[in-house]
N, C-alpha and C. Protein backbone atom coordinates (compact mmCIF):
# COMPACT_ATOMS: atom_id res chain seq x y z
N MET A 1 7.57 -26.49 18.22
CA MET A 1 7.56 -25.19 18.87
C MET A 1 7.63 -24.02 17.90
N LYS A 2 7.80 -24.28 16.61
CA LYS A 2 7.98 -23.18 15.67
C LYS A 2 6.77 -22.26 15.60
N TRP A 3 5.59 -22.81 15.89
CA TRP A 3 4.40 -21.97 15.81
C TRP A 3 4.39 -20.88 16.86
N LEU A 4 5.23 -20.99 17.88
CA LEU A 4 5.29 -19.96 18.90
C LEU A 4 6.04 -18.72 18.44
N ILE A 5 6.92 -18.89 17.44
CA ILE A 5 7.76 -17.78 17.04
C ILE A 5 6.94 -16.58 16.58
N SER A 6 5.81 -16.85 15.93
CA SER A 6 5.01 -15.74 15.39
C SER A 6 4.42 -14.87 16.48
N ILE A 7 4.37 -15.37 17.72
CA ILE A 7 3.81 -14.58 18.81
C ILE A 7 4.77 -13.47 19.22
N LEU A 8 6.06 -13.75 19.14
CA LEU A 8 7.05 -12.75 19.52
C LEU A 8 7.68 -12.15 18.29
N CYS A 9 7.46 -10.90 18.06
CA CYS A 9 8.13 -10.19 16.97
C CYS A 9 9.25 -9.40 17.61
N LEU A 10 10.47 -9.73 17.28
CA LEU A 10 11.60 -9.30 18.07
C LEU A 10 12.06 -7.90 17.73
N GLY A 11 12.60 -7.22 18.74
CA GLY A 11 13.06 -5.86 18.56
C GLY A 11 14.17 -5.74 17.53
N PHE A 12 15.03 -6.75 17.42
CA PHE A 12 16.13 -6.59 16.48
C PHE A 12 15.69 -6.72 15.04
N LEU A 13 14.41 -7.06 14.80
CA LEU A 13 13.90 -7.14 13.44
C LEU A 13 13.30 -5.82 12.98
N LEU A 14 13.15 -4.88 13.89
CA LEU A 14 12.49 -3.62 13.57
C LEU A 14 13.49 -2.61 13.00
N PRO A 15 13.05 -1.78 12.04
CA PRO A 15 13.95 -0.76 11.51
C PRO A 15 14.23 0.31 12.56
N ALA A 16 15.39 0.91 12.49
CA ALA A 16 15.73 2.00 13.41
C ALA A 16 14.94 3.23 13.00
N SER A 17 13.99 3.65 13.82
CA SER A 17 13.14 4.79 13.49
C SER A 17 12.50 5.30 14.77
N ALA A 18 11.69 6.37 14.62
CA ALA A 18 10.98 6.90 15.78
C ALA A 18 10.03 5.88 16.37
N ALA A 19 9.59 4.93 15.54
CA ALA A 19 8.66 3.90 16.02
C ALA A 19 9.29 3.05 17.11
N ARG A 20 10.62 2.94 17.13
CA ARG A 20 11.28 2.11 18.13
C ARG A 20 11.54 2.85 19.42
N ALA A 21 11.26 4.13 19.46
CA ALA A 21 11.72 4.97 20.56
C ALA A 21 11.30 4.47 21.93
N GLN A 22 10.13 3.87 22.07
CA GLN A 22 9.65 3.45 23.38
C GLN A 22 9.78 1.95 23.61
N LEU A 23 10.48 1.24 22.74
CA LEU A 23 10.69 -0.18 22.95
C LEU A 23 11.82 -0.39 23.95
N ALA A 24 11.74 -1.52 24.67
CA ALA A 24 12.75 -1.80 25.68
C ALA A 24 14.10 -2.12 25.03
N ALA A 25 15.17 -1.83 25.75
CA ALA A 25 16.50 -2.18 25.28
C ALA A 25 16.63 -3.70 25.24
N PRO A 26 17.33 -4.26 24.26
CA PRO A 26 17.43 -5.72 24.14
C PRO A 26 18.25 -6.33 25.27
N ASN A 27 18.01 -7.64 25.49
CA ASN A 27 18.78 -8.39 26.48
C ASN A 27 20.12 -8.82 25.88
N ASP A 28 20.85 -9.65 26.59
CA ASP A 28 22.17 -10.08 26.13
C ASP A 28 22.10 -10.91 24.85
N ALA A 29 20.93 -11.47 24.56
CA ALA A 29 20.75 -12.23 23.32
C ALA A 29 20.34 -11.33 22.16
N GLY A 30 20.21 -10.02 22.44
CA GLY A 30 19.82 -9.08 21.39
C GLY A 30 18.34 -9.03 21.13
N VAL A 31 17.54 -9.44 22.12
CA VAL A 31 16.10 -9.58 21.93
C VAL A 31 15.32 -8.64 22.85
N SER A 32 14.29 -8.01 22.29
CA SER A 32 13.30 -7.29 23.09
C SER A 32 11.96 -7.42 22.38
N MET A 33 10.89 -7.08 23.08
CA MET A 33 9.57 -7.13 22.47
C MET A 33 9.50 -6.09 21.37
N GLY A 34 8.92 -6.47 20.22
CA GLY A 34 8.81 -5.54 19.11
C GLY A 34 7.39 -5.13 18.82
N HIS A 35 6.57 -6.06 18.26
CA HIS A 35 5.22 -5.65 17.91
C HIS A 35 4.23 -6.80 17.96
N LEU A 36 2.97 -6.40 18.01
CA LEU A 36 1.82 -7.30 17.86
C LEU A 36 1.20 -6.98 16.51
N HIS A 37 0.93 -8.00 15.72
CA HIS A 37 0.39 -7.79 14.38
C HIS A 37 -1.04 -8.33 14.33
N LEU A 38 -1.99 -7.43 14.09
CA LEU A 38 -3.40 -7.79 14.12
C LEU A 38 -4.01 -7.76 12.73
N ILE A 39 -4.86 -8.75 12.46
CA ILE A 39 -5.68 -8.77 11.24
C ILE A 39 -7.02 -8.16 11.61
N VAL A 40 -7.41 -7.08 10.94
CA VAL A 40 -8.64 -6.36 11.30
C VAL A 40 -9.52 -6.17 10.06
N PRO A 41 -10.84 -6.24 10.21
CA PRO A 41 -11.73 -6.02 9.06
C PRO A 41 -11.83 -4.55 8.66
N ASP A 42 -11.59 -3.64 9.58
CA ASP A 42 -11.73 -2.20 9.33
C ASP A 42 -10.55 -1.49 9.98
N VAL A 43 -9.58 -1.08 9.19
CA VAL A 43 -8.36 -0.48 9.72
C VAL A 43 -8.65 0.84 10.42
N GLU A 44 -9.50 1.68 9.85
CA GLU A 44 -9.78 2.99 10.45
C GLU A 44 -10.46 2.83 11.81
N SER A 45 -11.40 1.89 11.91
CA SER A 45 -12.05 1.65 13.19
C SER A 45 -11.05 1.14 14.21
N ALA A 46 -10.15 0.28 13.78
CA ALA A 46 -9.13 -0.25 14.68
C ALA A 46 -8.19 0.86 15.15
N LYS A 47 -7.82 1.74 14.24
CA LYS A 47 -6.94 2.85 14.61
C LYS A 47 -7.61 3.74 15.67
N LYS A 48 -8.89 4.05 15.49
CA LYS A 48 -9.60 4.88 16.45
C LYS A 48 -9.63 4.20 17.83
N PHE A 49 -9.83 2.89 17.82
CA PHE A 49 -9.85 2.14 19.08
C PHE A 49 -8.51 2.26 19.80
N TRP A 50 -7.42 1.99 19.08
CA TRP A 50 -6.11 1.99 19.73
C TRP A 50 -5.69 3.40 20.17
N VAL A 51 -6.10 4.42 19.43
CA VAL A 51 -5.84 5.79 19.87
C VAL A 51 -6.62 6.08 21.16
N ALA A 52 -7.86 5.62 21.23
CA ALA A 52 -8.66 5.80 22.44
C ALA A 52 -8.02 5.08 23.63
N MET A 53 -7.35 3.97 23.36
CA MET A 53 -6.67 3.23 24.41
C MET A 53 -5.40 3.93 24.89
N GLY A 54 -4.91 4.88 24.10
CA GLY A 54 -3.73 5.62 24.51
C GLY A 54 -2.55 5.51 23.58
N ALA A 55 -2.74 4.88 22.40
CA ALA A 55 -1.66 4.74 21.45
C ALA A 55 -1.39 6.03 20.70
N THR A 56 -0.17 6.14 20.21
CA THR A 56 0.23 7.25 19.34
C THR A 56 0.51 6.70 17.95
N PRO A 57 -0.20 7.15 16.91
CA PRO A 57 0.10 6.67 15.55
C PRO A 57 1.48 7.14 15.11
N VAL A 58 2.26 6.26 14.55
CA VAL A 58 3.59 6.60 14.03
C VAL A 58 3.79 5.93 12.68
N LYS A 59 4.71 6.46 11.89
CA LYS A 59 5.05 5.84 10.62
C LYS A 59 5.87 4.58 10.88
N PHE A 60 5.59 3.54 10.12
CA PHE A 60 6.32 2.29 10.26
C PHE A 60 6.51 1.71 8.86
N ALA A 61 7.76 1.72 8.38
CA ALA A 61 8.05 1.30 7.00
C ALA A 61 7.16 2.11 6.07
N SER A 62 6.35 1.45 5.24
CA SER A 62 5.48 2.17 4.31
C SER A 62 4.09 2.41 4.88
N GLY A 63 3.86 1.97 6.12
CA GLY A 63 2.53 2.12 6.71
C GLY A 63 2.59 2.84 8.05
N GLU A 64 1.66 2.48 8.92
CA GLU A 64 1.55 3.10 10.24
C GLU A 64 1.52 2.05 11.31
N ALA A 65 1.86 2.46 12.51
CA ALA A 65 1.76 1.58 13.67
C ALA A 65 1.16 2.37 14.82
N MET A 66 0.61 1.67 15.79
CA MET A 66 0.11 2.26 17.00
C MET A 66 1.16 2.04 18.09
N LYS A 67 1.73 3.11 18.60
CA LYS A 67 2.86 3.01 19.52
C LYS A 67 2.42 3.13 20.97
N PHE A 68 2.86 2.16 21.77
CA PHE A 68 2.71 2.18 23.22
C PHE A 68 4.09 2.04 23.84
N ARG A 69 4.21 2.32 25.12
CA ARG A 69 5.44 2.01 25.83
C ARG A 69 5.64 0.49 25.79
N GLY A 70 6.70 0.05 25.15
CA GLY A 70 7.06 -1.36 25.14
C GLY A 70 6.59 -2.17 23.96
N VAL A 71 5.74 -1.63 23.09
CA VAL A 71 5.24 -2.44 21.97
C VAL A 71 4.63 -1.54 20.89
N LEU A 72 4.71 -2.00 19.66
CA LEU A 72 3.99 -1.41 18.54
C LEU A 72 2.85 -2.35 18.17
N VAL A 73 1.72 -1.81 17.81
CA VAL A 73 0.60 -2.61 17.32
C VAL A 73 0.44 -2.30 15.83
N LEU A 74 0.65 -3.32 15.00
CA LEU A 74 0.52 -3.18 13.55
C LEU A 74 -0.84 -3.72 13.11
N LEU A 75 -1.45 -3.04 12.16
CA LEU A 75 -2.79 -3.40 11.71
C LEU A 75 -2.76 -3.75 10.23
N ARG A 76 -3.35 -4.89 9.90
CA ARG A 76 -3.45 -5.31 8.50
C ARG A 76 -4.88 -5.66 8.18
N LYS A 77 -5.42 -5.09 7.13
CA LYS A 77 -6.81 -5.37 6.75
C LYS A 77 -6.94 -6.81 6.28
N GLY A 78 -7.96 -7.49 6.78
CA GLY A 78 -8.20 -8.87 6.39
C GLY A 78 -9.30 -9.48 7.22
N GLU A 79 -9.63 -10.71 6.91
CA GLU A 79 -10.67 -11.44 7.65
C GLU A 79 -10.01 -12.57 8.43
N ALA A 80 -10.02 -12.47 9.74
CA ALA A 80 -9.42 -13.48 10.59
C ALA A 80 -10.33 -14.70 10.71
N THR A 81 -9.72 -15.85 10.97
CA THR A 81 -10.50 -17.08 11.15
C THR A 81 -11.09 -17.19 12.56
N GLY A 82 -10.66 -16.32 13.44
CA GLY A 82 -11.17 -16.34 14.80
C GLY A 82 -10.42 -15.35 15.67
N GLY A 83 -10.84 -15.26 16.93
CA GLY A 83 -10.22 -14.32 17.85
C GLY A 83 -9.15 -14.96 18.70
N THR A 84 -8.70 -14.21 19.69
CA THR A 84 -7.65 -14.73 20.57
C THR A 84 -8.18 -15.83 21.48
N GLU A 85 -9.38 -15.65 22.02
CA GLU A 85 -9.93 -16.68 22.90
C GLU A 85 -10.18 -17.96 22.10
N GLY A 86 -9.72 -19.07 22.65
CA GLY A 86 -9.82 -20.35 21.96
C GLY A 86 -8.54 -20.71 21.23
N SER A 87 -7.64 -19.72 21.12
CA SER A 87 -6.34 -19.98 20.50
C SER A 87 -5.28 -20.09 21.59
N VAL A 88 -4.06 -20.43 21.18
CA VAL A 88 -2.96 -20.56 22.13
C VAL A 88 -2.73 -19.25 22.89
N VAL A 89 -2.87 -18.12 22.20
CA VAL A 89 -2.76 -16.83 22.89
C VAL A 89 -4.17 -16.37 23.25
N ASN A 90 -4.54 -16.58 24.51
CA ASN A 90 -5.89 -16.24 24.96
C ASN A 90 -6.12 -14.74 25.00
N HIS A 91 -5.10 -14.00 25.43
CA HIS A 91 -5.23 -12.55 25.48
C HIS A 91 -3.86 -11.90 25.62
N ILE A 92 -3.85 -10.59 25.39
CA ILE A 92 -2.66 -9.78 25.64
C ILE A 92 -2.97 -8.86 26.82
N GLY A 93 -1.92 -8.29 27.43
CA GLY A 93 -2.15 -7.47 28.61
C GLY A 93 -1.42 -6.14 28.55
N PHE A 94 -2.07 -5.12 29.09
CA PHE A 94 -1.47 -3.80 29.26
C PHE A 94 -1.63 -3.40 30.72
N THR A 95 -0.84 -2.44 31.16
CA THR A 95 -0.97 -1.93 32.51
C THR A 95 -1.13 -0.42 32.50
N VAL A 96 -1.87 0.08 33.48
CA VAL A 96 -2.16 1.52 33.61
C VAL A 96 -1.96 1.92 35.07
N PRO A 97 -1.82 3.22 35.35
CA PRO A 97 -1.65 3.64 36.75
C PRO A 97 -2.90 3.42 37.60
N ASN A 98 -4.09 3.57 36.99
CA ASN A 98 -5.34 3.42 37.74
C ASN A 98 -6.38 2.81 36.80
N VAL A 99 -6.76 1.59 37.07
CA VAL A 99 -7.67 0.87 36.18
C VAL A 99 -9.03 1.55 36.09
N GLN A 100 -9.61 1.93 37.23
CA GLN A 100 -10.96 2.48 37.21
C GLN A 100 -11.02 3.83 36.49
N GLU A 101 -9.99 4.64 36.62
CA GLU A 101 -9.95 5.90 35.88
C GLU A 101 -9.84 5.65 34.38
N SER A 102 -9.02 4.69 34.00
CA SER A 102 -8.88 4.35 32.58
C SER A 102 -10.17 3.77 32.03
N VAL A 103 -10.82 2.90 32.80
CA VAL A 103 -12.08 2.29 32.36
C VAL A 103 -13.13 3.36 32.10
N ALA A 104 -13.24 4.34 33.00
CA ALA A 104 -14.23 5.41 32.83
C ALA A 104 -13.97 6.18 31.54
N LYS A 105 -12.71 6.46 31.27
CA LYS A 105 -12.34 7.19 30.06
C LYS A 105 -12.66 6.36 28.81
N TRP A 106 -12.32 5.07 28.84
CA TRP A 106 -12.56 4.22 27.68
C TRP A 106 -14.05 4.01 27.42
N LYS A 107 -14.82 3.83 28.47
CA LYS A 107 -16.27 3.67 28.29
C LYS A 107 -16.87 4.92 27.67
N ALA A 108 -16.41 6.08 28.09
CA ALA A 108 -16.91 7.33 27.52
C ALA A 108 -16.58 7.44 26.04
N ALA A 109 -15.51 6.76 25.61
CA ALA A 109 -15.11 6.77 24.20
C ALA A 109 -15.76 5.64 23.41
N GLY A 110 -16.63 4.88 24.07
CA GLY A 110 -17.35 3.81 23.39
C GLY A 110 -16.61 2.49 23.31
N VAL A 111 -15.56 2.33 24.11
CA VAL A 111 -14.79 1.08 24.11
C VAL A 111 -15.53 0.01 24.89
N HIS A 112 -15.51 -1.24 24.37
CA HIS A 112 -16.14 -2.38 25.04
C HIS A 112 -15.26 -2.82 26.20
N VAL A 113 -15.73 -2.58 27.42
CA VAL A 113 -14.98 -2.92 28.63
C VAL A 113 -15.82 -3.84 29.51
N GLU A 114 -15.17 -4.87 30.07
CA GLU A 114 -15.83 -5.76 31.02
C GLU A 114 -15.03 -5.78 32.32
N PRO A 115 -15.70 -5.89 33.46
CA PRO A 115 -14.97 -5.87 34.74
C PRO A 115 -14.14 -7.13 34.93
N GLY A 116 -13.08 -7.00 35.71
CA GLY A 116 -12.28 -8.15 36.10
C GLY A 116 -12.80 -8.72 37.40
N THR A 117 -11.98 -9.49 38.07
CA THR A 117 -12.39 -10.10 39.34
C THR A 117 -12.08 -9.21 40.53
N ARG A 118 -11.42 -8.07 40.28
CA ARG A 118 -11.07 -7.12 41.33
C ARG A 118 -10.99 -5.73 40.72
N PRO A 119 -11.04 -4.67 41.53
CA PRO A 119 -11.04 -3.31 40.97
C PRO A 119 -9.78 -2.98 40.16
N GLN A 120 -8.68 -3.67 40.44
CA GLN A 120 -7.43 -3.39 39.75
C GLN A 120 -7.27 -4.20 38.45
N GLN A 121 -8.37 -4.72 37.95
CA GLN A 121 -8.32 -5.53 36.73
C GLN A 121 -9.57 -5.27 35.90
N ALA A 122 -9.41 -5.26 34.58
CA ALA A 122 -10.54 -5.13 33.66
C ALA A 122 -10.15 -5.82 32.35
N TYR A 123 -11.14 -6.01 31.49
CA TYR A 123 -10.90 -6.59 30.17
C TYR A 123 -11.49 -5.67 29.12
N VAL A 124 -10.73 -5.45 28.06
CA VAL A 124 -11.15 -4.61 26.96
C VAL A 124 -11.14 -5.46 25.70
N TYR A 125 -12.07 -5.17 24.78
CA TYR A 125 -12.16 -5.91 23.52
C TYR A 125 -12.09 -4.95 22.35
N THR A 126 -11.40 -5.37 21.31
CA THR A 126 -11.29 -4.56 20.10
C THR A 126 -12.66 -4.42 19.44
N PRO A 127 -12.86 -3.46 18.52
CA PRO A 127 -14.17 -3.23 17.93
C PRO A 127 -14.78 -4.46 17.25
N ASP A 128 -13.94 -5.35 16.73
CA ASP A 128 -14.45 -6.57 16.11
C ASP A 128 -14.68 -7.69 17.13
N ASN A 129 -14.41 -7.41 18.41
CA ASN A 129 -14.55 -8.37 19.51
C ASN A 129 -13.68 -9.61 19.33
N LEU A 130 -12.59 -9.49 18.59
CA LEU A 130 -11.73 -10.64 18.34
C LEU A 130 -10.50 -10.68 19.24
N VAL A 131 -10.05 -9.54 19.74
CA VAL A 131 -8.85 -9.51 20.57
C VAL A 131 -9.22 -9.11 21.99
N LYS A 132 -8.91 -10.01 22.92
CA LYS A 132 -9.16 -9.76 24.33
C LYS A 132 -7.91 -9.16 24.96
N ILE A 133 -8.10 -8.07 25.74
CA ILE A 133 -6.99 -7.35 26.33
C ILE A 133 -7.23 -7.22 27.84
N GLU A 134 -6.34 -7.80 28.62
CA GLU A 134 -6.43 -7.65 30.07
C GLU A 134 -5.75 -6.36 30.48
N ILE A 135 -6.38 -5.62 31.38
CA ILE A 135 -5.82 -4.38 31.91
C ILE A 135 -5.52 -4.58 33.39
N LEU A 136 -4.28 -4.32 33.77
CA LEU A 136 -3.86 -4.44 35.16
C LEU A 136 -3.35 -3.09 35.66
N GLU A 137 -3.22 -2.98 36.96
CA GLU A 137 -2.87 -1.70 37.57
C GLU A 137 -1.45 -1.70 38.13
N THR A 138 -0.68 -0.67 37.76
CA THR A 138 0.64 -0.42 38.32
C THR A 138 0.67 1.04 38.75
N PRO A 139 0.37 1.34 40.02
CA PRO A 139 0.24 2.74 40.46
C PRO A 139 1.49 3.59 40.20
N THR A 140 2.66 2.97 40.16
CA THR A 140 3.90 3.74 39.98
C THR A 140 4.24 3.96 38.50
N LEU A 141 3.40 3.48 37.60
CA LEU A 141 3.68 3.63 36.17
C LEU A 141 3.76 5.11 35.80
N SER A 142 4.78 5.49 35.04
CA SER A 142 5.01 6.90 34.72
C SER A 142 4.36 7.34 33.41
N VAL A 143 3.72 6.42 32.70
CA VAL A 143 3.02 6.75 31.45
C VAL A 143 1.57 6.28 31.59
N PRO A 144 0.64 6.77 30.75
CA PRO A 144 -0.77 6.41 30.89
C PRO A 144 -1.06 4.93 30.65
N ILE A 145 -0.26 4.26 29.81
CA ILE A 145 -0.50 2.85 29.51
C ILE A 145 0.78 2.26 28.94
N ALA A 146 1.02 0.98 29.24
CA ALA A 146 2.23 0.32 28.76
C ALA A 146 1.95 -1.15 28.52
N SER A 147 2.73 -1.74 27.62
CA SER A 147 2.64 -3.18 27.36
C SER A 147 2.99 -3.96 28.63
N HIS A 148 2.32 -5.10 28.84
CA HIS A 148 2.57 -5.87 30.06
C HIS A 148 2.84 -7.35 29.80
N HIS A 149 1.90 -8.06 29.15
CA HIS A 149 2.11 -9.49 28.98
C HIS A 149 1.36 -10.07 27.78
N VAL A 150 1.77 -11.26 27.39
CA VAL A 150 1.04 -12.11 26.44
C VAL A 150 0.73 -13.39 27.19
N HIS A 151 -0.54 -13.78 27.21
CA HIS A 151 -0.96 -14.93 28.03
C HIS A 151 -1.32 -16.12 27.15
N PHE A 152 -0.49 -17.17 27.26
CA PHE A 152 -0.69 -18.40 26.51
C PHE A 152 -1.56 -19.38 27.30
N PHE A 153 -2.46 -20.06 26.61
CA PHE A 153 -3.22 -21.15 27.20
C PHE A 153 -2.84 -22.43 26.45
N VAL A 154 -2.21 -23.36 27.16
CA VAL A 154 -1.70 -24.59 26.54
C VAL A 154 -1.99 -25.78 27.45
N ASP A 155 -1.74 -26.99 26.94
CA ASP A 155 -1.91 -28.14 27.81
C ASP A 155 -0.79 -28.13 28.86
N GLU A 156 -1.11 -28.66 30.03
CA GLU A 156 -0.22 -28.54 31.18
C GLU A 156 1.16 -29.12 30.92
N ALA A 157 1.23 -30.21 30.18
CA ALA A 157 2.51 -30.87 29.94
C ALA A 157 3.45 -30.02 29.09
N SER A 158 2.90 -29.07 28.33
CA SER A 158 3.73 -28.25 27.44
C SER A 158 4.39 -27.07 28.14
N VAL A 159 3.93 -26.70 29.32
CA VAL A 159 4.42 -25.48 29.97
C VAL A 159 5.92 -25.51 30.22
N PRO A 160 6.48 -26.56 30.83
CA PRO A 160 7.94 -26.56 31.05
C PRO A 160 8.73 -26.48 29.74
N GLU A 161 8.24 -27.15 28.69
CA GLU A 161 8.92 -27.12 27.40
C GLU A 161 8.92 -25.72 26.81
N ILE A 162 7.77 -25.05 26.88
CA ILE A 162 7.66 -23.70 26.33
C ILE A 162 8.57 -22.73 27.09
N LYS A 163 8.55 -22.80 28.43
CA LYS A 163 9.40 -21.92 29.22
C LYS A 163 10.87 -22.12 28.86
N SER A 164 11.27 -23.37 28.75
CA SER A 164 12.66 -23.68 28.42
C SER A 164 13.03 -23.20 27.02
N TRP A 165 12.09 -23.34 26.08
CA TRP A 165 12.36 -22.95 24.69
C TRP A 165 12.59 -21.45 24.57
N TYR A 166 11.76 -20.65 25.22
CA TYR A 166 11.93 -19.20 25.16
C TYR A 166 13.24 -18.77 25.84
N ALA A 167 13.60 -19.46 26.93
CA ALA A 167 14.85 -19.13 27.61
C ALA A 167 16.05 -19.46 26.73
N LYS A 168 16.03 -20.64 26.12
CA LYS A 168 17.16 -21.08 25.30
C LYS A 168 17.25 -20.28 24.00
N THR A 169 16.10 -20.02 23.35
CA THR A 169 16.10 -19.39 22.03
C THR A 169 16.25 -17.88 22.10
N PHE A 170 15.61 -17.23 23.06
CA PHE A 170 15.57 -15.77 23.10
C PHE A 170 16.18 -15.16 24.36
N GLY A 171 16.73 -15.99 25.24
CA GLY A 171 17.34 -15.46 26.45
C GLY A 171 16.33 -15.00 27.49
N ALA A 172 15.10 -15.52 27.44
CA ALA A 172 14.09 -15.15 28.43
C ALA A 172 14.50 -15.65 29.81
N ILE A 173 14.04 -14.95 30.84
CA ILE A 173 14.33 -15.33 32.22
C ILE A 173 13.12 -16.07 32.79
N PRO A 174 13.23 -17.37 33.06
CA PRO A 174 12.11 -18.14 33.60
C PRO A 174 11.75 -17.69 35.01
N GLY A 175 10.46 -17.75 35.31
CA GLY A 175 10.02 -17.38 36.65
C GLY A 175 8.53 -17.58 36.77
N LYS A 176 7.88 -16.73 37.56
CA LYS A 176 6.44 -16.81 37.73
C LYS A 176 5.87 -15.39 37.72
N ARG A 177 4.62 -15.26 37.32
CA ARG A 177 3.85 -14.01 37.47
C ARG A 177 2.66 -14.36 38.32
N GLY A 178 2.75 -14.02 39.61
CA GLY A 178 1.72 -14.47 40.54
C GLY A 178 1.71 -15.98 40.62
N GLN A 179 0.55 -16.59 40.38
CA GLN A 179 0.44 -18.04 40.42
C GLN A 179 0.81 -18.70 39.11
N PHE A 180 1.09 -17.90 38.08
CA PHE A 180 1.33 -18.44 36.74
C PHE A 180 2.81 -18.68 36.46
N GLU A 181 3.10 -19.74 35.72
CA GLU A 181 4.44 -19.92 35.19
C GLU A 181 4.67 -18.83 34.13
N ALA A 182 5.92 -18.36 34.01
CA ALA A 182 6.16 -17.23 33.13
C ALA A 182 7.62 -17.15 32.69
N ASP A 183 7.85 -16.40 31.64
CA ASP A 183 9.17 -16.00 31.18
C ASP A 183 9.16 -14.49 31.02
N ASP A 184 10.28 -13.85 31.32
CA ASP A 184 10.39 -12.41 31.13
C ASP A 184 11.39 -12.09 30.03
N LEU A 185 10.98 -11.20 29.14
CA LEU A 185 11.85 -10.62 28.12
C LEU A 185 11.73 -9.10 28.23
N PRO A 186 12.72 -8.34 27.79
CA PRO A 186 12.59 -6.89 27.83
C PRO A 186 11.31 -6.43 27.12
N GLY A 187 10.46 -5.72 27.86
CA GLY A 187 9.24 -5.17 27.29
C GLY A 187 8.03 -6.07 27.38
N ILE A 188 8.19 -7.31 27.85
CA ILE A 188 7.02 -8.21 27.87
C ILE A 188 7.21 -9.36 28.85
N ASN A 189 6.13 -9.76 29.48
CA ASN A 189 6.08 -10.99 30.26
C ASN A 189 5.29 -12.02 29.46
N LEU A 190 5.81 -13.22 29.36
CA LEU A 190 5.11 -14.32 28.70
C LEU A 190 4.55 -15.21 29.79
N THR A 191 3.23 -15.29 29.86
CA THR A 191 2.55 -16.01 30.92
C THR A 191 1.94 -17.29 30.34
N PHE A 192 2.05 -18.39 31.09
CA PHE A 192 1.59 -19.69 30.59
C PHE A 192 0.60 -20.31 31.56
N SER A 193 -0.59 -20.64 31.06
CA SER A 193 -1.62 -21.27 31.87
C SER A 193 -2.06 -22.59 31.26
N LYS A 194 -2.45 -23.51 32.13
CA LYS A 194 -3.04 -24.75 31.67
C LYS A 194 -4.43 -24.45 31.11
N SER A 195 -4.72 -24.99 29.92
CA SER A 195 -6.05 -24.83 29.33
C SER A 195 -6.88 -26.07 29.62
N ASP A 196 -8.11 -25.86 30.07
CA ASP A 196 -9.00 -26.99 30.36
C ASP A 196 -9.60 -27.58 29.09
N THR A 197 -9.54 -26.81 27.99
CA THR A 197 -10.04 -27.30 26.70
C THR A 197 -8.94 -27.12 25.66
N PRO A 198 -8.90 -27.92 24.61
CA PRO A 198 -7.85 -27.79 23.60
C PRO A 198 -7.89 -26.42 22.93
N THR A 199 -6.72 -25.86 22.68
CA THR A 199 -6.61 -24.59 21.97
C THR A 199 -5.96 -24.82 20.62
N VAL A 200 -6.17 -23.86 19.71
CA VAL A 200 -5.64 -24.00 18.35
C VAL A 200 -4.50 -23.02 18.14
N PRO A 201 -3.62 -23.28 17.17
CA PRO A 201 -2.55 -22.31 16.86
C PRO A 201 -3.13 -20.97 16.43
N THR A 202 -2.29 -19.96 16.45
CA THR A 202 -2.75 -18.61 16.13
C THR A 202 -2.80 -18.32 14.64
N LYS A 203 -2.25 -19.19 13.78
CA LYS A 203 -2.20 -18.91 12.36
C LYS A 203 -3.58 -18.61 11.79
N GLY A 204 -3.71 -17.46 11.13
CA GLY A 204 -4.96 -17.06 10.50
C GLY A 204 -5.93 -16.34 11.42
N ARG A 205 -5.63 -16.34 12.73
CA ARG A 205 -6.54 -15.68 13.65
C ARG A 205 -6.19 -14.21 13.79
N ALA A 206 -6.94 -13.49 14.63
CA ALA A 206 -6.84 -12.03 14.67
C ALA A 206 -5.47 -11.55 15.12
N LEU A 207 -4.76 -12.31 15.97
CA LEU A 207 -3.43 -11.95 16.44
C LEU A 207 -2.43 -12.94 15.87
């Protein structure tokens, strides 16, 4: 299970700074969602994309981060071995007050957007087409966009073990998100789905 640790970058590992201002308060185990770390071929292009999505650039240690409600997105220049699809983490998720309004704005900014299965869902892809991002709708959301979930695709037999591991190790609350098995941590939902095809670990990939 150690390979799962890299997916969650914990709030208590982050320095106390303005970058932490919108992260969720930690649970009783001292844990909250911290950041997503992406390997990108072009940092400037990636920054423009995340700003178009609604991020605010902030200083983070000696570099910069893209700040959203509930998560920081860190960018590191490099060549990934592959994207999120086909790996254990199939995609990440954000939520907005109105999906169709956000989609119209993103398309106008040149963002690669694909429709979901319903009007309240869409998929966005980073400029390198390596990171898949699900967009869901929360009409009562008080900010333009916020972190929502990380969606794991694993073999069916592993789901109970993974749920239990996150609960025991990080104090996650086991439950469901719709039809999916899930764990909740401050700032993030961890969603687990059965994969019909084998997936690979995330090491070396874009996320």
